[in-house]
C-alpha atoms as a PDB file:
ATOM      1  CA  UNK A   1      91.970  53.512  29.020  1.00  0.00           C
ATOM      2  CA  UNK A   2      92.451  55.362  32.276  1.00  0.00           C
ATOM      3  CA  UNK A   3      89.856  53.138  34.073  1.00  0.00           C
ATOM      4  CA  UNK A   4      91.441  50.094  32.878  1.00  0.00           C
ATOM      5  CA  UNK A   5      95.145  51.162  34.118  1.00  0.00           C
ATOM      6  CA  UNK A   6      93.431  52.069  37.461  1.00  0.00           C
ATOM      7  CA  UNK A   7      92.091  48.168  37.303  1.00  0.00           C
ATOM      8  CA  UNK A   8      95.316  46.536  36.725  1.00  0.00           C
ATOM      9  CA  UNK A   9      97.065  48.614  39.307  1.00  0.00           C
ATOM     10  CA  UNK A  10      94.296  47.599  41.786  1.00  0.00           C
ATOM     11  CA  UNK A  11      94.906  43.629  40.735  1.00  0.00           C
ATOM     12  CA  UNK A  12      98.510  44.303  41.229  1.00  0.00           C
ATOM     13  CA  UNK A  13      98.605  45.354  44.375  1.00  0.00           C
ATOM     14  CA  UNK A  14      96.075  42.887  46.042  1.00  0.00           C
ATOM     15  CA  UNK A  15      97.781  40.324  44.383  1.00  0.00           C
ATOM     16  CA  UNK A  16     101.718  42.160  46.045  1.00  0.00           C
ATOM     17  CA  UNK A  17      99.340  42.355  49.224  1.00  0.00           C
ATOM     18  CA  UNK A  18      98.596  38.843  48.953  1.00  0.00           C
ATOM     19  CA  UNK A  19     101.972  37.450  48.331  1.00  0.00           C
ATOM     20  CA  UNK A  20     103.779  39.392  50.981  1.00  0.00           C
ATOM     21  CA  UNK A  21     101.568  38.074  53.768  1.00  0.00           C
ATOM     22  CA  UNK A  22     101.714  34.145  52.328  1.00  0.00           C
ATOM     23  CA  UNK A  23     105.577  34.730  52.824  1.00  0.00           C
ATOM     24  CA  UNK A  24     105.312  36.222  56.004  1.00  0.00           C
ATOM     25  CA  UNK A  25     103.014  33.711  57.662  1.00  0.00           C
ATOM     26  CA  UNK A  26     104.994  30.700  56.482  1.00  0.00           C
ATOM     27  CA  UNK A  27     108.027  32.052  57.306  1.00  0.00           C
ATOM     28  CA  UNK A  28     106.319  32.318  61.137  1.00  0.00           C
ATOM     29  CA  UNK A  29     105.158  29.023  60.925  1.00  0.00           C
ATOM     30  CA  UNK A  30     108.660  27.702  61.143  1.00  0.00           C
ATOM     31  CA  UNK A  31     111.177  28.680  63.624  1.00  0.00           C
ATOM     32  CA  UNK A  32     114.757  27.796  64.195  1.00  0.00           C
ATOM     33  CA  UNK A  33     117.152  27.322  67.131  1.00  0.00           C
ATOM     34  CA  UNK A  34     119.837  29.597  69.065  1.00  0.00           C
ATOM     35  CA  UNK A  35     122.309  28.455  66.273  1.00  0.00           C
ATOM     36  CA  UNK A  36     120.423  28.558  63.091  1.00  0.00           C
ATOM     37  CA  UNK A  37     120.549  24.948  62.392  1.00  0.00           C
ATOM     38  CA  UNK A  38     117.401  23.032  61.143  1.00  0.00           C
ATOM     39  CA  UNK A  39     114.016  24.369  61.096  1.00  0.00           C
ATOM     40  CA  UNK A  40     111.425  22.476  63.811  1.00  0.00           C
ATOM     41  CA  UNK A  41     108.118  21.900  63.194  1.00  0.00           C
ATOM     42  CA  UNK A  42     105.392  20.668  65.539  1.00  0.00           C
ATOM     43  CA  UNK A  43     102.761  17.734  64.948  1.00  0.00           C
ATOM     44  CA  UNK A  44     100.243  15.915  67.106  1.00  0.00           C
ATOM     45  CA  UNK A  45     100.953  11.950  66.919  1.00  0.00           C
ATOM     46  CA  UNK A  46      99.862   8.734  68.480  1.00  0.00           C
ATOM     47  CA  UNK A  47     102.981   5.812  69.905  1.00  0.00           C
ATOM     48  CA  UNK A  48     103.025   2.970  71.851  1.00  0.00           C
ATOM     49  CA  UNK A  49     103.995   2.954  75.603  1.00  0.00           C
ATOM     50  CA  UNK A  50     104.965  -0.409  77.794  1.00  0.00           C
ATOM     51  CA  UNK A  51     103.377  -0.561  81.096  1.00  0.00           C
ATOM     52  CA  UNK A  52     104.571  -2.974  83.733  1.00  0.00           C
ATOM     53  CA  UNK A  53     106.861  -3.360  86.700  1.00  0.00           C
ATOM     54  CA  UNK A  54     110.017  -3.799  87.285  1.00  0.00           C
ATOM     55  CA  UNK A  55     112.392  -5.222  84.079  1.00  0.00           C
ATOM     56  CA  UNK A  56     110.696  -5.725  80.717  1.00  0.00           C
ATOM     57  CA  UNK A  57     108.192  -9.127  80.789  1.00  0.00           C
ATOM     58  CA  UNK A  58     106.218 -10.621  78.497  1.00  0.00           C
ATOM     59  CA  UNK A  59     102.925  -9.943  80.602  1.00  0.00           C
ATOM     60  CA  UNK A  60     103.721  -6.233  79.927  1.00  0.00           C
ATOM     61  CA  UNK A  61     100.698  -4.092  78.532  1.00  0.00           C
ATOM     62  CA  UNK A  62     101.437  -2.149  75.521  1.00  0.00           C
ATOM     63  CA  UNK A  63      98.928   1.065  75.299  1.00  0.00           C
ATOM     64  CA  UNK A  64      98.236   3.748  72.794  1.00  0.00           C
ATOM     65  CA  UNK A  65      98.777   7.541  73.910  1.00  0.00           C
ATOM     66  CA  UNK A  66      98.703  10.651  72.353  1.00  0.00           C
ATOM     67  CA  UNK A  67     101.462  13.061  72.276  1.00  0.00           C
ATOM     68  CA  UNK A  68     103.059  16.548  70.931  1.00  0.00           C
ATOM     69  CA  UNK A  69     106.109  16.179  68.980  1.00  0.00           C
ATOM     70  CA  UNK A  70     108.740  18.710  67.792  1.00  0.00           C
ATOM     71  CA  UNK A  71     110.570  17.654  64.794  1.00  0.00           C
ATOM     72  CA  UNK A  72     113.776  18.809  63.464  1.00  0.00           C
ATOM     73  CA  UNK A  73     113.773  18.754  59.411  1.00  0.00           C
ATOM     74  CA  UNK A  74     117.117  18.786  58.963  1.00  0.00           C
ATOM     75  CA  UNK A  75     118.305  16.338  61.127  1.00  0.00           C
ATOM     76  CA  UNK A  76     115.768  14.161  61.849  1.00  0.00           C
ATOM     77  CA  UNK A  77     115.872  14.019  65.422  1.00  0.00           C
ATOM     78  CA  UNK A  78     112.605  14.143  67.329  1.00  0.00           C
ATOM     79  CA  UNK A  79     111.412  14.849  70.756  1.00  0.00           C
ATOM     80  CA  UNK A  80     107.986  14.790  72.358  1.00  0.00           C
ATOM     81  CA  UNK A  81     106.637  17.219  74.836  1.00  0.00           C
ATOM     82  CA  UNK A  82     106.570  15.507  78.831  1.00  0.00           C
ATOM     83  CA  UNK A  83     104.280  17.276  80.592  1.00  0.00           C
ATOM     84  CA  UNK A  84     103.407  17.306  85.171  1.00  0.00           C
ATOM     85  CA  UNK A  85     101.179  19.291  87.077  1.00  0.00           C
ATOM     86  CA  UNK A  86     101.663  19.984  90.541  1.00  0.00           C
ATOM     87  CA  UNK A  87      98.012  19.634  91.722  1.00  0.00           C
ATOM     88  CA  UNK A  88      99.485  20.771  95.600  1.00  0.00           C
ATOM     89  CA  UNK A  89      97.925  24.282  95.076  1.00  0.00           C
ATOM     90  CA  UNK A  90      94.388  24.279  94.037  1.00  0.00           C
ATOM     91  CA  UNK A  91      94.419  27.905  93.412  1.00  0.00           C
ATOM     92  CA  UNK A  92      97.602  28.223  90.916  1.00  0.00           C
ATOM     93  CA  UNK A  93      98.756  24.590  89.785  1.00  0.00           C
ATOM     94  CA  UNK A  94     102.263  24.823  88.134  1.00  0.00           C
ATOM     95  CA  UNK A  95     103.425  22.795  85.110  1.00  0.00           C
ATOM     96  CA  UNK A  96     106.594  21.469  84.474  1.00  0.00           C
ATOM     97  CA  UNK A  97     106.941  20.941  80.157  1.00  0.00           C
ATOM     98  CA  UNK A  98     109.936  19.738  78.664  1.00  0.00           C
ATOM     99  CA  UNK A  99     111.430  18.339  75.455  1.00  0.00           C
ATOM    100  CA  UNK A 100     112.551  14.984  75.989  1.00  0.00           C
ATOM    101  CA  UNK A 101     114.535  13.531  72.895  1.00  0.00           C
ATOM    102  CA  UNK A 102     113.199   9.964  71.644  1.00  0.00           C
ATOM    103  CA  UNK A 103     116.073   7.556  71.032  1.00  0.00           C
END
């Protein structure tokens, strides 16, 4: 009987540790902004961009581009990550990254 209690306690402890680990990692996967409103998720996606000169014309070319999106699941607002690399310095290039809202 004592062996059975020990094995039941070990199983219960293992399940409790697993449940705590799953809860902790799930909370780390979701983040909130400074005001605490909304939850943001990062997703990789594909979108269409128009390439051309001047005002939009019928001759403009639609090209596919990949991007990283940030989605607020509470409001539905979406941003895309815009990156620019300054290649002026070969030793330490600088990166300008910012989230641009999608209209």
